[in-house]
Amino acid sequence: MTSRLSPDDQARVDQYLSAPQHRVERKPFRPWMLLAVILVSVIALGLLSRLLSRLVL
C-alpha cells in the first residue's frame, strides 16, 4: 500500500510511532469477554433495579 504522505511527512510519522511511549504491547481483542462483561453488567443492574423497586413499593 502506498502512502499518500510526502516522504518528509512519512518520516515524521515513522519517527513519532517509533517513540517508546507508542510501543505498548496490547492484549488481543476478545469479543466474547466483552459480551460477557456487558451481559453480567446488564443482569446485575436489572437485579438491582428489581430490588430497589421492591424496597420502595
N, C-alpha and C. Protein backbone atom coordinates (compact mmCIF):
# COMPACT_ATOMS: atom_id res chain seq x y z
N MET A 1 0.85 -1.16 0.00
CA MET A 1 0.00 0.00 0.00
C MET A 1 0.90 1.24 0.00
N THR A 2 0.65 2.11 -0.90
CA THR A 2 1.47 3.31 -0.99
C THR A 2 0.91 4.39 -0.08
N SER A 3 1.80 5.22 0.41
CA SER A 3 1.42 6.29 1.32
C SER A 3 1.04 7.53 0.53
N ARG A 4 0.03 8.24 1.03
CA ARG A 4 -0.36 9.49 0.39
C ARG A 4 0.41 10.67 0.97
N LEU A 5 1.26 10.40 1.95
CA LEU A 5 2.04 11.46 2.57
C LEU A 5 3.31 11.72 1.77
N SER A 6 3.81 12.92 1.92
CA SER A 6 5.10 13.21 1.30
C SER A 6 6.18 12.45 2.07
N PRO A 7 7.31 12.18 1.46
CA PRO A 7 8.36 11.43 2.17
C PRO A 7 8.80 12.09 3.47
N ASP A 8 8.81 13.42 3.50
CA ASP A 8 9.19 14.13 4.72
C ASP A 8 8.16 13.90 5.83
N ASP A 9 6.88 14.00 5.47
CA ASP A 9 5.82 13.78 6.45
C ASP A 9 5.80 12.32 6.91
N GLN A 10 6.03 11.40 5.98
CA GLN A 10 6.06 9.98 6.35
C GLN A 10 7.21 9.70 7.32
N ALA A 11 8.32 10.35 7.12
CA ALA A 11 9.46 10.17 8.03
C ALA A 11 9.11 10.68 9.43
N ARG A 12 8.38 11.79 9.51
CA ARG A 12 7.94 12.31 10.82
C ARG A 12 6.96 11.35 11.50
N VAL A 13 6.05 10.79 10.73
CA VAL A 13 5.09 9.83 11.29
C VAL A 13 5.83 8.59 11.78
N ASP A 14 6.76 8.09 11.00
CA ASP A 14 7.53 6.92 11.42
C ASP A 14 8.34 7.20 12.68
N GLN A 15 8.92 8.38 12.77
CA GLN A 15 9.69 8.75 13.96
C GLN A 15 8.76 8.83 15.17
N TYR A 16 7.58 9.40 15.00
CA TYR A 16 6.61 9.52 16.08
C TYR A 16 6.17 8.14 16.57
N LEU A 17 5.87 7.25 15.65
CA LEU A 17 5.38 5.92 16.03
C LEU A 17 6.47 5.04 16.62
N SER A 18 7.73 5.34 16.35
CA SER A 18 8.80 4.52 16.90
C SER A 18 9.24 4.98 18.28
N ALA A 19 8.61 6.03 18.79
CA ALA A 19 8.94 6.52 20.14
C ALA A 19 8.54 5.46 21.17
N PRO A 20 9.25 5.37 22.30
CA PRO A 20 8.98 4.32 23.29
C PRO A 20 7.56 4.35 23.85
N GLN A 21 6.97 5.52 24.01
CA GLN A 21 5.63 5.57 24.59
C GLN A 21 4.55 5.06 23.64
N HIS A 22 4.88 4.87 22.38
CA HIS A 22 3.91 4.38 21.40
C HIS A 22 4.14 2.91 21.05
N ARG A 23 5.00 2.23 21.78
CA ARG A 23 5.31 0.83 21.50
C ARG A 23 4.79 -0.05 22.63
N VAL A 24 3.53 0.13 23.01
CA VAL A 24 2.92 -0.63 24.09
C VAL A 24 2.36 -1.93 23.53
N GLU A 25 2.74 -3.04 24.16
CA GLU A 25 2.18 -4.33 23.75
C GLU A 25 0.76 -4.42 24.28
N ARG A 26 -0.15 -4.78 23.42
CA ARG A 26 -1.55 -4.87 23.82
C ARG A 26 -2.02 -6.30 23.74
N LYS A 27 -2.95 -6.62 24.62
CA LYS A 27 -3.54 -7.95 24.59
C LYS A 27 -4.47 -8.04 23.38
N PRO A 28 -4.65 -9.22 22.83
CA PRO A 28 -5.56 -9.34 21.69
C PRO A 28 -7.01 -9.05 22.12
N PHE A 29 -7.77 -8.49 21.20
CA PHE A 29 -9.17 -8.16 21.48
C PHE A 29 -9.97 -9.44 21.60
N ARG A 30 -10.76 -9.54 22.68
CA ARG A 30 -11.58 -10.73 22.91
C ARG A 30 -13.05 -10.33 22.95
N PRO A 31 -13.76 -10.47 21.81
CA PRO A 31 -15.15 -10.02 21.77
C PRO A 31 -16.06 -10.81 22.72
N TRP A 32 -15.76 -12.09 22.96
CA TRP A 32 -16.62 -12.88 23.86
C TRP A 32 -16.49 -12.39 25.29
N MET A 33 -15.31 -11.95 25.68
CA MET A 33 -15.13 -11.40 27.03
C MET A 33 -15.91 -10.09 27.17
N LEU A 34 -15.86 -9.26 26.14
CA LEU A 34 -16.62 -8.01 26.16
C LEU A 34 -18.11 -8.30 26.27
N LEU A 35 -18.60 -9.26 25.50
CA LEU A 35 -20.01 -9.62 25.56
C LEU A 35 -20.39 -10.13 26.94
N ALA A 36 -19.52 -10.93 27.55
CA ALA A 36 -19.80 -11.46 28.88
C ALA A 36 -19.85 -10.34 29.92
N VAL A 37 -18.94 -9.39 29.84
CA VAL A 37 -18.93 -8.27 30.78
C VAL A 37 -20.20 -7.44 30.63
N ILE A 38 -20.60 -7.18 29.41
CA ILE A 38 -21.82 -6.40 29.17
C ILE A 38 -23.04 -7.15 29.69
N LEU A 39 -23.10 -8.45 29.42
CA LEU A 39 -24.23 -9.26 29.86
C LEU A 39 -24.32 -9.29 31.39
N VAL A 40 -23.21 -9.50 32.06
CA VAL A 40 -23.20 -9.52 33.53
C VAL A 40 -23.61 -8.16 34.08
N SER A 41 -23.14 -7.10 33.46
CA SER A 41 -23.50 -5.75 33.92
C SER A 41 -24.99 -5.50 33.78
N VAL A 42 -25.56 -5.88 32.66
CA VAL A 42 -26.99 -5.66 32.43
C VAL A 42 -27.83 -6.49 33.41
N ILE A 43 -27.43 -7.73 33.63
CA ILE A 43 -28.17 -8.58 34.58
C ILE A 43 -28.06 -8.01 35.99
N ALA A 44 -26.87 -7.59 36.39
CA ALA A 44 -26.69 -7.05 37.73
C ALA A 44 -27.50 -5.77 37.93
N LEU A 45 -27.51 -4.90 36.95
CA LEU A 45 -28.30 -3.67 37.07
C LEU A 45 -29.79 -3.97 37.07
N GLY A 46 -30.21 -4.96 36.31
CA GLY A 46 -31.62 -5.36 36.32
C GLY A 46 -32.04 -5.90 37.68
N LEU A 47 -31.19 -6.73 38.27
CA LEU A 47 -31.50 -7.27 39.60
C LEU A 47 -31.50 -6.16 40.65
N LEU A 48 -30.58 -5.22 40.52
CA LEU A 48 -30.55 -4.09 41.45
C LEU A 48 -31.81 -3.24 41.33
N SER A 49 -32.26 -3.02 40.12
CA SER A 49 -33.48 -2.23 39.94
C SER A 49 -34.70 -2.95 40.50
N ARG A 50 -34.76 -4.28 40.36
CA ARG A 50 -35.88 -5.03 40.95
C ARG A 50 -35.83 -4.96 42.47
N LEU A 51 -34.64 -5.05 43.04
CA LEU A 51 -34.50 -4.96 44.49
C LEU A 51 -34.94 -3.58 44.98
N LEU A 52 -34.52 -2.54 44.30
CA LEU A 52 -34.90 -1.19 44.70
C LEU A 52 -36.40 -0.96 44.54
N SER A 53 -37.01 -1.53 43.51
CA SER A 53 -38.44 -1.34 43.31
C SER A 53 -39.23 -2.05 44.42
N ARG A 54 -38.74 -3.19 44.89
CA ARG A 54 -39.44 -3.88 45.99
C ARG A 54 -39.29 -3.12 47.30
N LEU A 55 -38.14 -2.48 47.49
CA LEU A 55 -37.94 -1.70 48.71
C LEU A 55 -38.82 -0.46 48.74
N VAL A 56 -39.05 0.14 47.58
CA VAL A 56 -39.83 1.36 47.50
C VAL A 56 -41.32 1.08 47.55
N LEU A 57 -41.75 0.05 46.86
CA LEU A 57 -43.20 -0.25 46.80
C LEU A 57 -43.68 -1.03 47.96
